[in-house]
Amino acid sequence: MRVVAVACSLVLTLLAVIVGMGKVQRLPASLQVRDQARITPTLWTVSGWIELAAAAALVVGIFVSLEMAVVGAGVLFVSYLALAVRQLTTKQAIPSVVPALALSVLSAITVASIVASG
């Protein structure tokens, strides 16, 4: 089970770094998501930094402290789920909500696999 936890953690970390850097670097695709969800630029940038910190906690935690890994994956879960809910409340088309929902599901699976392996 530990292999599954490490694999999920590494995949989630990679995706979180990509998404977080897109927010921090203000990439056009990221800004489009932000604008469609009607999120302020400051909050979008802060959420990017939070995702990067959670990704770092996830990687360090998987090798040092499982509690830290659970916190990192949990923060990512809440972040992605909040984005999905925001997208749904702004009446966006379902296909535009799928990435945030998929990332929140991956985060939940990661938390579950870490807890099960620990």
PDB file of N, CA and C in Angstrom:
ATOM      1  N   MET A   1       0.820  -1.197   0.000  1.00  0.00           N
ATOM      2  CA  MET A   1       0.000   0.000   0.000  1.00  0.00           C
ATOM      3  C   MET A   1       0.860   1.255   0.000  1.00  0.00           C
ATOM      4  N   ARG A   2       2.040   1.162   0.547  1.00  0.00           N
ATOM      5  CA  ARG A   2       2.939   2.318   0.588  1.00  0.00           C
ATOM      6  C   ARG A   2       3.308   2.782  -0.825  1.00  0.00           C
ATOM      7  N   VAL A   3       3.446   1.843  -1.757  1.00  0.00           N
ATOM      8  CA  VAL A   3       3.789   2.189  -3.138  1.00  0.00           C
ATOM      9  C   VAL A   3       2.672   3.026  -3.760  1.00  0.00           C
ATOM     10  N   VAL A   4       1.432   2.658  -3.489  1.00  0.00           N
ATOM     11  CA  VAL A   4       0.286   3.408  -4.007  1.00  0.00           C
ATOM     12  C   VAL A   4       0.281   4.822  -3.426  1.00  0.00           C
ATOM     13  N   ALA A   5       0.550   4.935  -2.143  1.00  0.00           N
ATOM     14  CA  ALA A   5       0.576   6.249  -1.493  1.00  0.00           C
ATOM     15  C   ALA A   5       1.667   7.128  -2.090  1.00  0.00           C
ATOM     16  N   VAL A   6       2.840   6.570  -2.295  1.00  0.00           N
ATOM     17  CA  VAL A   6       3.947   7.352  -2.869  1.00  0.00           C
ATOM     18  C   VAL A   6       3.624   7.742  -4.308  1.00  0.00           C
ATOM     19  N   ALA A   7       3.075   6.807  -5.082  1.00  0.00           N
ATOM     20  CA  ALA A   7       2.747   7.110  -6.477  1.00  0.00           C
ATOM     21  C   ALA A   7       1.676   8.196  -6.573  1.00  0.00           C
ATOM     22  N   CYS A   8       0.616   8.069  -5.797  1.00  0.00           N
ATOM     23  CA  CYS A   8      -0.439   9.094  -5.791  1.00  0.00           C
ATOM     24  C   CYS A   8       0.113  10.440  -5.344  1.00  0.00           C
ATOM     25  N   SER A   9       0.971  10.415  -4.333  1.00  0.00           N
ATOM     26  CA  SER A   9       1.551  11.655  -3.817  1.00  0.00           C
ATOM     27  C   SER A   9       2.410  12.345  -4.871  1.00  0.00           C
ATOM     28  N   LEU A  10       3.213  11.569  -5.569  1.00  0.00           N
ATOM     29  CA  LEU A  10       4.087  12.169  -6.578  1.00  0.00           C
ATOM     30  C   LEU A  10       3.296  12.725  -7.764  1.00  0.00           C
ATOM     31  N   VAL A  11       2.268  11.998  -8.199  1.00  0.00           N
ATOM     32  CA  VAL A  11       1.426  12.498  -9.296  1.00  0.00           C
ATOM     33  C   VAL A  11       0.696  13.764  -8.859  1.00  0.00           C
ATOM     34  N   LEU A  12       0.116  13.737  -7.663  1.00  0.00           N
ATOM     35  CA  LEU A  12      -0.594  14.914  -7.155  1.00  0.00           C
ATOM     36  C   LEU A  12       0.360  16.097  -6.997  1.00  0.00           C
ATOM     37  N   THR A  13       1.558  15.828  -6.513  1.00  0.00           N
ATOM     38  CA  THR A  13       2.547  16.899  -6.353  1.00  0.00           C
ATOM     39  C   THR A  13       2.887  17.530  -7.696  1.00  0.00           C
ATOM     40  N   LEU A  14       3.136  16.703  -8.688  1.00  0.00           N
ATOM     41  CA  LEU A  14       3.458  17.217 -10.019  1.00  0.00           C
ATOM     42  C   LEU A  14       2.332  18.092 -10.558  1.00  0.00           C
ATOM     43  N   LEU A  15       1.099  17.617 -10.449  1.00  0.00           N
ATOM     44  CA  LEU A  15      -0.034  18.393 -10.938  1.00  0.00           C
ATOM     45  C   LEU A  15      -0.230  19.680 -10.132  1.00  0.00           C
ATOM     46  N   ALA A  16      -0.033  19.604  -8.820  1.00  0.00           N
ATOM     47  CA  ALA A  16      -0.186  20.797  -7.978  1.00  0.00           C
ATOM     48  C   ALA A  16       0.871  21.846  -8.308  1.00  0.00           C
ATOM     49  N   VAL A  17       2.087  21.404  -8.582  1.00  0.00           N
ATOM     50  CA  VAL A  17       3.145  22.352  -8.952  1.00  0.00           C
ATOM     51  C   VAL A  17       2.813  23.009 -10.284  1.00  0.00           C
ATOM     52  N   ILE A  18       2.326  22.230 -11.239  1.00  0.00           N
ATOM     53  CA  ILE A  18       1.968  22.793 -12.545  1.00  0.00           C
ATOM     54  C   ILE A  18       0.843  23.819 -12.398  1.00  0.00           C
ATOM     55  N   VAL A  19      -0.205  23.446 -11.679  1.00  0.00           N
ATOM     56  CA  VAL A  19      -1.348  24.349 -11.502  1.00  0.00           C
ATOM     57  C   VAL A  19      -0.950  25.566 -10.672  1.00  0.00           C
ATOM     58  N   GLY A  20      -0.233  25.337  -9.588  1.00  0.00           N
ATOM     59  CA  GLY A  20       0.182  26.446  -8.722  1.00  0.00           C
ATOM     60  C   GLY A  20       1.099  27.427  -9.434  1.00  0.00           C
ATOM     61  N   MET A  21       2.045  26.908 -10.207  1.00  0.00           N
ATOM     62  CA  MET A  21       2.941  27.797 -10.956  1.00  0.00           C
ATOM     63  C   MET A  21       2.181  28.567 -12.029  1.00  0.00           C
ATOM     64  N   GLY A  22       1.186  27.932 -12.625  1.00  0.00           N
ATOM     65  CA  GLY A  22       0.355  28.640 -13.596  1.00  0.00           C
ATOM     66  C   GLY A  22      -0.353  29.830 -12.986  1.00  0.00           C
ATOM     67  N   LYS A  23      -0.806  29.646 -11.743  1.00  0.00           N
ATOM     68  CA  LYS A  23      -1.466  30.750 -11.041  1.00  0.00           C
ATOM     69  C   LYS A  23      -0.473  31.840 -10.662  1.00  0.00           C
ATOM     70  N   VAL A  24       0.657  31.441 -10.107  1.00  0.00           N
ATOM     71  CA  VAL A  24       1.655  32.410  -9.643  1.00  0.00           C
ATOM     72  C   VAL A  24       2.266  33.172 -10.823  1.00  0.00           C
ATOM     73  N   GLN A  25       2.526  32.464 -11.918  1.00  0.00           N
ATOM     74  CA  GLN A  25       3.131  33.082 -13.107  1.00  0.00           C
ATOM     75  C   GLN A  25       2.093  33.780 -13.995  1.00  0.00           C
ATOM     76  N   ARG A  26       0.839  33.695 -13.627  1.00  0.00           N
ATOM     77  CA  ARG A  26      -0.263  34.326 -14.354  1.00  0.00           C
ATOM     78  C   ARG A  26      -0.300  33.901 -15.827  1.00  0.00           C
ATOM     79  N   LEU A  27      -0.272  32.597 -16.043  1.00  0.00           N
ATOM     80  CA  LEU A  27      -0.351  32.075 -17.401  1.00  0.00           C
ATOM     81  C   LEU A  27      -1.758  32.317 -17.960  1.00  0.00           C
ATOM     82  N   PRO A  28      -1.859  32.572 -19.268  1.00  0.00           N
ATOM     83  CA  PRO A  28      -3.163  32.914 -19.862  1.00  0.00           C
ATOM     84  C   PRO A  28      -4.273  31.903 -19.584  1.00  0.00           C
ATOM     85  N   ALA A  29      -3.984  30.615 -19.664  1.00  0.00           N
ATOM     86  CA  ALA A  29      -5.017  29.605 -19.401  1.00  0.00           C
ATOM     87  C   ALA A  29      -5.496  29.691 -17.956  1.00  0.00           C
ATOM     88  N   SER A  30      -4.567  29.934 -17.046  1.00  0.00           N
ATOM     89  CA  SER A  30      -4.913  30.066 -15.634  1.00  0.00           C
ATOM     90  C   SER A  30      -5.773  31.312 -15.407  1.00  0.00           C
ATOM     91  N   LEU A  31      -5.406  32.403 -16.058  1.00  0.00           N
ATOM     92  CA  LEU A  31      -6.181  33.641 -15.910  1.00  0.00           C
ATOM     93  C   LEU A  31      -7.587  33.485 -16.469  1.00  0.00           C
ATOM     94  N   GLN A  32      -7.730  32.687 -17.511  1.00  0.00           N
ATOM     95  CA  GLN A  32      -9.048  32.449 -18.083  1.00  0.00           C
ATOM     96  C   GLN A  32      -9.940  31.714 -17.085  1.00  0.00           C
ATOM     97  N   VAL A  33      -9.390  30.709 -16.418  1.00  0.00           N
ATOM     98  CA  VAL A  33     -10.145  29.983 -15.388  1.00  0.00           C
ATOM     99  C   VAL A  33     -10.517  30.935 -14.258  1.00  0.00           C
ATOM    100  N   ARG A  34      -9.559  31.755 -13.843  1.00  0.00           N
ATOM    101  CA  ARG A  34      -9.802  32.718 -12.759  1.00  0.00           C
ATOM    102  C   ARG A  34     -10.933  33.673 -13.126  1.00  0.00           C
ATOM    103  N   ASP A  35     -10.873  34.202 -14.338  1.00  0.00           N
ATOM    104  CA  ASP A  35     -11.889  35.171 -14.756  1.00  0.00           C
ATOM    105  C   ASP A  35     -13.271  34.540 -14.887  1.00  0.00           C
ATOM    106  N   GLN A  36     -13.328  33.325 -15.398  1.00  0.00           N
ATOM    107  CA  GLN A  36     -14.616  32.643 -15.539  1.00  0.00           C
ATOM    108  C   GLN A  36     -15.216  32.317 -14.182  1.00  0.00           C
ATOM    109  N   ALA A  37     -14.369  32.017 -13.204  1.00  0.00           N
ATOM    110  CA  ALA A  37     -14.862  31.705 -11.859  1.00  0.00           C
ATOM    111  C   ALA A  37     -15.079  32.965 -11.021  1.00  0.00           C
ATOM    112  N   ARG A  38     -14.724  34.113 -11.587  1.00  0.00           N
ATOM    113  CA  ARG A  38     -14.877  35.408 -10.911  1.00  0.00           C
ATOM    114  C   ARG A  38     -14.147  35.442  -9.568  1.00  0.00           C
ATOM    115  N   ILE A  39     -12.872  35.083  -9.624  1.00  0.00           N
ATOM    116  CA  ILE A  39     -12.024  35.090  -8.431  1.00  0.00           C
ATOM    117  C   ILE A  39     -11.069  36.270  -8.555  1.00  0.00           C
ATOM    118  N   THR A  40     -10.823  36.981  -7.469  1.00  0.00           N
ATOM    119  CA  THR A  40      -9.952  38.151  -7.519  1.00  0.00           C
ATOM    120  C   THR A  40      -8.508  37.738  -7.830  1.00  0.00           C
ATOM    121  N   PRO A  41      -7.763  38.606  -8.499  1.00  0.00           N
ATOM    122  CA  PRO A  41      -6.372  38.276  -8.829  1.00  0.00           C
ATOM    123  C   PRO A  41      -5.516  37.955  -7.606  1.00  0.00           C
ATOM    124  N   THR A  42      -5.692  38.692  -6.532  1.00  0.00           N
ATOM    125  CA  THR A  42      -4.897  38.439  -5.328  1.00  0.00           C
ATOM    126  C   THR A  42      -5.195  37.068  -4.738  1.00  0.00           C
ATOM    127  N   LEU A  43      -6.462  36.728  -4.634  1.00  0.00           N
ATOM    128  CA  LEU A  43      -6.836  35.420  -4.098  1.00  0.00           C
ATOM    129  C   LEU A  43      -6.318  34.294  -4.989  1.00  0.00           C
ATOM    130  N   TRP A  44      -6.345  34.511  -6.300  1.00  0.00           N
ATOM    131  CA  TRP A  44      -5.851  33.497  -7.236  1.00  0.00           C
ATOM    132  C   TRP A  44      -4.352  33.260  -7.037  1.00  0.00           C
ATOM    133  N   THR A  45      -3.596  34.340  -6.891  1.00  0.00           N
ATOM    134  CA  THR A  45      -2.153  34.214  -6.674  1.00  0.00           C
ATOM    135  C   THR A  45      -1.860  33.554  -5.336  1.00  0.00           C
ATOM    136  N   VAL A  46      -2.570  33.961  -4.303  1.00  0.00           N
ATOM    137  CA  VAL A  46      -2.380  33.360  -2.972  1.00  0.00           C
ATOM    138  C   VAL A  46      -2.705  31.872  -3.011  1.00  0.00           C
ATOM    139  N   SER A  47      -3.763  31.500  -3.715  1.00  0.00           N
ATOM    140  CA  SER A  47      -4.101  30.075  -3.797  1.00  0.00           C
ATOM    141  C   SER A  47      -3.024  29.299  -4.549  1.00  0.00           C
ATOM    142  N   GLY A  48      -2.372  29.945  -5.507  1.00  0.00           N
ATOM    143  CA  GLY A  48      -1.249  29.310  -6.195  1.00  0.00           C
ATOM    144  C   GLY A  48      -0.092  29.040  -5.251  1.00  0.00           C
ATOM    145  N   TRP A  49       0.234  30.016  -4.412  1.00  0.00           N
ATOM    146  CA  TRP A  49       1.314  29.829  -3.435  1.00  0.00           C
ATOM    147  C   TRP A  49       0.943  28.762  -2.412  1.00  0.00           C
ATOM    148  N   ILE A  50      -0.333  28.721  -2.024  1.00  0.00           N
ATOM    149  CA  ILE A  50      -0.784  27.685  -1.084  1.00  0.00           C
ATOM    150  C   ILE A  50      -0.647  26.308  -1.717  1.00  0.00           C
ATOM    151  N   GLU A  51      -0.986  26.188  -2.992  1.00  0.00           N
ATOM    152  CA  GLU A  51      -0.842  24.901  -3.677  1.00  0.00           C
ATOM    153  C   GLU A  51       0.622  24.476  -3.741  1.00  0.00           C
ATOM    154  N   LEU A  52       1.511  25.416  -3.995  1.00  0.00           N
ATOM    155  CA  LEU A  52       2.935  25.083  -4.041  1.00  0.00           C
ATOM    156  C   LEU A  52       3.440  24.644  -2.663  1.00  0.00           C
ATOM    157  N   ALA A  53       3.000  25.329  -1.620  1.00  0.00           N
ATOM    158  CA  ALA A  53       3.404  24.942  -0.264  1.00  0.00           C
ATOM    159  C   ALA A  53       2.835  23.571   0.111  1.00  0.00           C
ATOM    160  N   ALA A  54       1.596  23.316  -0.279  1.00  0.00           N
ATOM    161  CA  ALA A  54       0.987  22.014   0.009  1.00  0.00           C
ATOM    162  C   ALA A  54       1.705  20.904  -0.747  1.00  0.00           C
ATOM    163  N   ALA A  55       2.119  21.187  -1.982  1.00  0.00           N
ATOM    164  CA  ALA A  55       2.868  20.196  -2.763  1.00  0.00           C
ATOM    165  C   ALA A  55       4.206  19.891  -2.090  1.00  0.00           C
ATOM    166  N   ALA A  56       4.861  20.925  -1.588  1.00  0.00           N
ATOM    167  CA  ALA A  56       6.133  20.717  -0.882  1.00  0.00           C
ATOM    168  C   ALA A  56       5.905  19.893   0.390  1.00  0.00           C
ATOM    169  N   ALA A  57       4.853  20.198   1.120  1.00  0.00           N
ATOM    170  CA  ALA A  57       4.534  19.438   2.336  1.00  0.00           C
ATOM    171  C   ALA A  57       4.232  17.985   2.005  1.00  0.00           C
ATOM    172  N   LEU A  58       3.582  17.778   0.888  1.00  0.00           N
ATOM    173  CA  LEU A  58       3.248  16.417   0.472  1.00  0.00           C
ATOM    174  C   LEU A  58       4.499  15.602   0.175  1.00  0.00           C
ATOM    175  N   VAL A  59       5.423  16.185  -0.566  1.00  0.00           N
ATOM    176  CA  VAL A  59       6.655  15.459  -0.909  1.00  0.00           C
ATOM    177  C   VAL A  59       7.508  15.215   0.329  1.00  0.00           C
ATOM    178  N   VAL A  60       7.726  16.244   1.112  1.00  0.00           N
ATOM    179  CA  VAL A  60       8.532  16.086   2.326  1.00  0.00           C
ATOM    180  C   VAL A  60       7.849  15.104   3.269  1.00  0.00           C
ATOM    181  N   GLY A  61       6.535  15.226   3.385  1.00  0.00           N
ATOM    182  CA  GLY A  61       5.793  14.381   4.301  1.00  0.00           C
ATOM    183  C   GLY A  61       5.819  12.916   3.946  1.00  0.00           C
ATOM    184  N   ILE A  62       5.786  12.596   2.682  1.00  0.00           N
ATOM    185  CA  ILE A  62       5.752  11.189   2.299  1.00  0.00           C
ATOM    186  C   ILE A  62       7.041  10.479   2.684  1.00  0.00           C
ATOM    187  N   PHE A  63       8.128  11.243   2.780  1.00  0.00           N
ATOM    188  CA  PHE A  63       9.407  10.638   3.138  1.00  0.00           C
ATOM    189  C   PHE A  63       9.816  10.892   4.590  1.00  0.00           C
ATOM    190  N   VAL A  64       9.202  11.859   5.254  1.00  0.00           N
ATOM    191  CA  VAL A  64       9.600  12.220   6.607  1.00  0.00           C
ATOM    192  C   VAL A  64       8.481  11.958   7.623  1.00  0.00           C
ATOM    193  N   SER A  65       7.315  12.509   7.370  1.00  0.00           N
ATOM    194  CA  SER A  65       6.220  12.433   8.337  1.00  0.00           C
ATOM    195  C   SER A  65       4.904  12.275   7.590  1.00  0.00           C
ATOM    196  N   LEU A  66       4.236  11.160   7.791  1.00  0.00           N
ATOM    197  CA  LEU A  66       2.980  10.927   7.084  1.00  0.00           C
ATOM    198  C   LEU A  66       1.912  11.957   7.433  1.00  0.00           C
ATOM    199  N   GLU A  67       1.964  12.486   8.641  1.00  0.00           N
ATOM    200  CA  GLU A  67       0.993  13.507   9.025  1.00  0.00           C
ATOM    201  C   GLU A  67       1.133  14.740   8.143  1.00  0.00           C
ATOM    202  N   MET A  68       2.381  15.108   7.839  1.00  0.00           N
ATOM    203  CA  MET A  68       2.624  16.264   6.980  1.00  0.00           C
ATOM    204  C   MET A  68       2.099  15.998   5.565  1.00  0.00           C
ATOM    205  N   ALA A  69       2.261  14.777   5.087  1.00  0.00           N
ATOM    206  CA  ALA A  69       1.762  14.414   3.761  1.00  0.00           C
ATOM    207  C   ALA A  69       0.238  14.477   3.719  1.00  0.00           C
ATOM    208  N   VAL A  70      -0.405  14.021   4.768  1.00  0.00           N
ATOM    209  CA  VAL A  70      -1.871  14.075   4.826  1.00  0.00           C
ATOM    210  C   VAL A  70      -2.339  15.524   4.829  1.00  0.00           C
ATOM    211  N   VAL A  71      -1.664  16.378   5.570  1.00  0.00           N
ATOM    212  CA  VAL A  71      -2.026  17.802   5.592  1.00  0.00           C
ATOM    213  C   VAL A  71      -1.863  18.418   4.202  1.00  0.00           C
ATOM    214  N   GLY A  72      -0.746  18.138   3.550  1.00  0.00           N
ATOM    215  CA  GLY A  72      -0.515  18.677   2.208  1.00  0.00           C
ATOM    216  C   GLY A  72      -1.587  18.236   1.225  1.00  0.00           C
ATOM    217  N   ALA A  73      -1.894  16.940   1.211  1.00  0.00           N
ATOM    218  CA  ALA A  73      -2.923  16.426   0.306  1.00  0.00           C
ATOM    219  C   ALA A  73      -4.307  16.951   0.701  1.00  0.00           C
ATOM    220  N   GLY A  74      -4.533  17.102   1.999  1.00  0.00           N
ATOM    221  CA  GLY A  74      -5.817  17.639   2.459  1.00  0.00           C
ATOM    222  C   GLY A  74      -6.026  19.084   2.048  1.00  0.00           C
ATOM    223  N   VAL A  75      -4.990  19.874   2.133  1.00  0.00           N
ATOM    224  CA  VAL A  75      -5.079  21.277   1.701  1.00  0.00           C
ATOM    225  C   VAL A  75      -5.371  21.344   0.204  1.00  0.00           C
ATOM    226  N   LEU A  76      -4.714  20.496  -0.572  1.00  0.00           N
ATOM    227  CA  LEU A  76      -4.976  20.461  -2.011  1.00  0.00           C
ATOM    228  C   LEU A  76      -6.411  20.024  -2.290  1.00  0.00           C
ATOM    229  N   PHE A  77      -6.902  19.044  -1.523  1.00  0.00           N
ATOM    230  CA  PHE A  77      -8.286  18.600  -1.693  1.00  0.00           C
ATOM    231  C   PHE A  77      -9.260  19.757  -1.485  1.00  0.00           C
ATOM    232  N   VAL A  78      -9.088  20.475  -0.389  1.00  0.00           N
ATOM    233  CA  VAL A  78      -9.984  21.594  -0.076  1.00  0.00           C
ATOM    234  C   VAL A  78      -9.875  22.681  -1.148  1.00  0.00           C
ATOM    235  N   SER A  79      -8.660  22.971  -1.583  1.00  0.00           N
ATOM    236  CA  SER A  79      -8.440  24.005  -2.593  1.00  0.00           C
ATOM    237  C   SER A  79      -9.138  23.661  -3.907  1.00  0.00           C
ATOM    238  N   TYR A  80      -8.946  22.441  -4.383  1.00  0.00           N
ATOM    239  CA  TYR A  80      -9.547  22.049  -5.657  1.00  0.00           C
ATOM    240  C   TYR A  80     -11.057  21.897  -5.555  1.00  0.00           C
ATOM    241  N   LEU A  81     -11.532  21.394  -4.427  1.00  0.00           N
ATOM    242  CA  LEU A  81     -12.975  21.265  -4.245  1.00  0.00           C
ATOM    243  C   LEU A  81     -13.630  22.643  -4.179  1.00  0.00           C
ATOM    244  N   ALA A  82     -12.979  23.581  -3.511  1.00  0.00           N
ATOM    245  CA  ALA A  82     -13.513  24.948  -3.440  1.00  0.00           C
ATOM    246  C   ALA A  82     -13.589  25.579  -4.831  1.00  0.00           C
ATOM    247  N   LEU A  83     -12.565  25.351  -5.643  1.00  0.00           N
ATOM    248  CA  LEU A  83     -12.594  25.881  -7.009  1.00  0.00           C
ATOM    249  C   LEU A  83     -13.740  25.254  -7.798  1.00  0.00           C
ATOM    250  N   ALA A  84     -13.923  23.949  -7.671  1.00  0.00           N
ATOM    251  CA  ALA A  84     -15.012  23.283  -8.393  1.00  0.00           C
ATOM    252  C   ALA A  84     -16.373  23.824  -7.965  1.00  0.00           C
ATOM    253  N   VAL A  85     -16.554  24.013  -6.668  1.00  0.00           N
ATOM    254  CA  VAL A  85     -17.820  24.563  -6.169  1.00  0.00           C
ATOM    255  C   VAL A  85     -18.019  25.979  -6.692  1.00  0.00           C
ATOM    256  N   ARG A  86     -16.954  26.773  -6.681  1.00  0.00           N
ATOM    257  CA  ARG A  86     -17.048  28.147  -7.207  1.00  0.00           C
ATOM    258  C   ARG A  86     -17.421  28.135  -8.688  1.00  0.00           C
ATOM    259  N   GLN A  87     -16.813  27.228  -9.442  1.00  0.00           N
ATOM    260  CA  GLN A  87     -17.135  27.140 -10.866  1.00  0.00           C
ATOM    261  C   GLN A  87     -18.594  26.740 -11.066  1.00  0.00           C
ATOM    262  N   LEU A  88     -19.084  25.830 -10.250  1.00  0.00           N
ATOM    263  CA  LEU A  88     -20.478  25.415 -10.374  1.00  0.00           C
ATOM    264  C   LEU A  88     -21.441  26.527  -9.981  1.00  0.00           C
ATOM    265  N   THR A  89     -21.082  27.312  -8.958  1.00  0.00           N
ATOM    266  CA  THR A  89     -21.974  28.391  -8.525  1.00  0.00           C
ATOM    267  C   THR A  89     -21.982  29.566  -9.498  1.00  0.00           C
ATOM    268  N   THR A  90     -20.947  29.668 -10.330  1.00  0.00           N
ATOM    269  CA  THR A  90     -20.951  30.713 -11.359  1.00  0.00           C
ATOM    270  C   THR A  90     -21.526  30.182 -12.671  1.00  0.00           C
ATOM    271  N   LYS A  91     -22.155  29.009 -12.585  1.00  0.00           N
ATOM    272  CA  LYS A  91     -22.889  28.397 -13.692  1.00  0.00           C
ATOM    273  C   LYS A  91     -22.028  28.127 -14.920  1.00  0.00           C
ATOM    274  N   GLN A  92     -20.824  27.632 -14.668  1.00  0.00           N
ATOM    275  CA  GLN A  92     -19.958  27.245 -15.774  1.00  0.00           C
ATOM    276  C   GLN A  92     -20.381  25.876 -16.298  1.00  0.00           C
ATOM    277  N   ALA A  93     -20.041  25.623 -17.545  1.00  0.00           N
ATOM    278  CA  ALA A  93     -20.364  24.332 -18.151  1.00  0.00           C
ATOM    279  C   ALA A  93     -19.619  23.221 -17.405  1.00  0.00           C
ATOM    280  N   ILE A  94     -20.239  22.080 -17.311  1.00  0.00           N
ATOM    281  CA  ILE A  94     -19.659  20.943 -16.583  1.00  0.00           C
ATOM    282  C   ILE A  94     -18.257  20.579 -17.078  1.00  0.00           C
ATOM    283  N   PRO A  95     -17.995  20.574 -18.404  1.00  0.00           N
ATOM    284  CA  PRO A  95     -16.634  20.219 -18.832  1.00  0.00           C
ATOM    285  C   PRO A  95     -15.544  21.134 -18.266  1.00  0.00           C
ATOM    286  N   SER A  96     -15.860  22.370 -17.972  1.00  0.00           N
ATOM    287  CA  SER A  96     -14.842  23.265 -17.408  1.00  0.00           C
ATOM    288  C   SER A  96     -14.617  23.001 -15.917  1.00  0.00           C
ATOM    289  N   VAL A  97     -15.519  22.282 -15.278  1.00  0.00           N
ATOM    290  CA  VAL A  97     -15.413  21.962 -13.856  1.00  0.00           C
ATOM    291  C   VAL A  97     -14.664  20.643 -13.632  1.00  0.00           C
ATOM    292  N   VAL A  98     -14.624  19.812 -14.666  1.00  0.00           N
ATOM    293  CA  VAL A  98     -14.037  18.470 -14.542  1.00  0.00           C
ATOM    294  C   VAL A  98     -12.592  18.478 -14.030  1.00  0.00           C
ATOM    295  N   PRO A  99     -11.693  19.361 -14.527  1.00  0.00           N
ATOM    296  CA  PRO A  99     -10.318  19.322 -14.002  1.00  0.00           C
ATOM    297  C   PRO A  99     -10.228  19.541 -12.494  1.00  0.00           C
ATOM    298  N   ALA A 100     -10.958  20.503 -11.974  1.00  0.00           N
ATOM    299  CA  ALA A 100     -10.921  20.757 -10.531  1.00  0.00           C
ATOM    300  C   ALA A 100     -11.514  19.583  -9.763  1.00  0.00           C
ATOM    301  N   LEU A 101     -12.584  18.998 -10.285  1.00  0.00           N
ATOM    302  CA  LEU A 101     -13.169  17.831  -9.621  1.00  0.00           C
ATOM    303  C   LEU A 101     -12.211  16.644  -9.662  1.00  0.00           C
ATOM    304  N   ALA A 102     -11.552  16.445 -10.795  1.00  0.00           N
ATOM    305  CA  ALA A 102     -10.600  15.331 -10.911  1.00  0.00           C
ATOM    306  C   ALA A 102      -9.435  15.501  -9.941  1.00  0.00           C
ATOM    307  N   LEU A 103      -8.938  16.726  -9.810  1.00  0.00           N
ATOM    308  CA  LEU A 103      -7.836  16.975  -8.875  1.00  0.00           C
ATOM    309  C   LEU A 103      -8.289  16.781  -7.429  1.00  0.00           C
ATOM    310  N   SER A 104      -9.524  17.149  -7.119  1.00  0.00           N
ATOM    311  CA  SER A 104     -10.003  16.946  -5.749  1.00  0.00           C
ATOM    312  C   SER A 104     -10.186  15.452  -5.459  1.00  0.00           C
ATOM    313  N   VAL A 105     -10.633  14.679  -6.445  1.00  0.00           N
ATOM    314  CA  VAL A 105     -10.757  13.228  -6.259  1.00  0.00           C
ATOM    315  C   VAL A 105      -9.372  12.605  -6.075  1.00  0.00           C
ATOM    316  N   LEU A 106      -8.398  13.018  -6.904  1.00  0.00           N
ATOM    317  CA  LEU A 106      -7.039  12.510  -6.750  1.00  0.00           C
ATOM    318  C   LEU A 106      -6.477  12.864  -5.368  1.00  0.00           C
ATOM    319  N   SER A 107      -6.772  14.049  -4.894  1.00  0.00           N
ATOM    320  CA  SER A 107      -6.324  14.458  -3.552  1.00  0.00           C
ATOM    321  C   SER A 107      -6.947  13.577  -2.474  1.00  0.00           C
ATOM    322  N   ALA A 108      -8.238  13.290  -2.603  1.00  0.00           N
ATOM    323  CA  ALA A 108      -8.908  12.435  -1.623  1.00  0.00           C
ATOM    324  C   ALA A 108      -8.337  11.018  -1.655  1.00  0.00           C
ATOM    325  N   ILE A 109      -8.076  10.493  -2.848  1.00  0.00           N
ATOM    326  CA  ILE A 109      -7.483   9.158  -2.967  1.00  0.00           C
ATOM    327  C   ILE A 109      -6.094   9.145  -2.338  1.00  0.00           C
ATOM    328  N   THR A 110      -5.349  10.232  -2.543  1.00  0.00           N
ATOM    329  CA  THR A 110      -4.006  10.326  -1.969  1.00  0.00           C
ATOM    330  C   THR A 110      -4.072  10.319  -0.447  1.00  0.00           C
ATOM    331  N   VAL A 111      -4.969  11.113   0.112  1.00  0.00           N
ATOM    332  CA  VAL A 111      -5.130  11.122   1.567  1.00  0.00           C
ATOM    333  C   VAL A 111      -5.476   9.723   2.067  1.00  0.00           C
ATOM    334  N   ALA A 112      -6.423   9.072   1.419  1.00  0.00           N
ATOM    335  CA  ALA A 112      -6.845   7.736   1.846  1.00  0.00           C
ATOM    336  C   ALA A 112      -5.703   6.728   1.747  1.00  0.00           C
ATOM    337  N   SER A 113      -4.920   6.804   0.684  1.00  0.00           N
ATOM    338  CA  SER A 113      -3.825   5.831   0.520  1.00  0.00           C
ATOM    339  C   SER A 113      -2.708   6.082   1.532  1.00  0.00           C
ATOM    340  N   ILE A 114      -2.453   7.339   1.861  1.00  0.00           N
ATOM    341  CA  ILE A 114      -1.429   7.648   2.869  1.00  0.00           C
ATOM    342  C   ILE A 114      -1.882   7.143   4.240  1.00  0.00           C
ATOM    343  N   VAL A 115      -3.129   7.415   4.575  1.00  0.00           N
ATOM    344  CA  VAL A 115      -3.653   6.978   5.876  1.00  0.00           C
ATOM    345  C   VAL A 115      -3.655   5.450   5.956  1.00  0.00           C
ATOM    346  N   ALA A 116      -4.032   4.796   4.858  1.00  0.00           N
ATOM    347  CA  ALA A 116      -4.072   3.320   4.864  1.00  0.00           C
ATOM    348  C   ALA A 116      -2.676   2.706   4.969  1.00  0.00           C
ATOM    349  N   SER A 117      -1.686   3.419   4.437  1.00  0.00           N
ATOM    350  CA  SER A 117      -0.310   2.862   4.471  1.00  0.00           C
ATOM    351  C   SER A 117       0.406   3.164   5.776  1.00  0.00           C
ATOM    352  N   GLY A 118      -0.120   4.108   6.534  1.00  0.00           N
ATOM    353  CA  GLY A 118       0.580   4.589   7.709  1.00  0.00           C
ATOM    354  C   GLY A 118       0.335   3.838   8.940  1.00  0.00           C
TER     355      GLY A 118
END
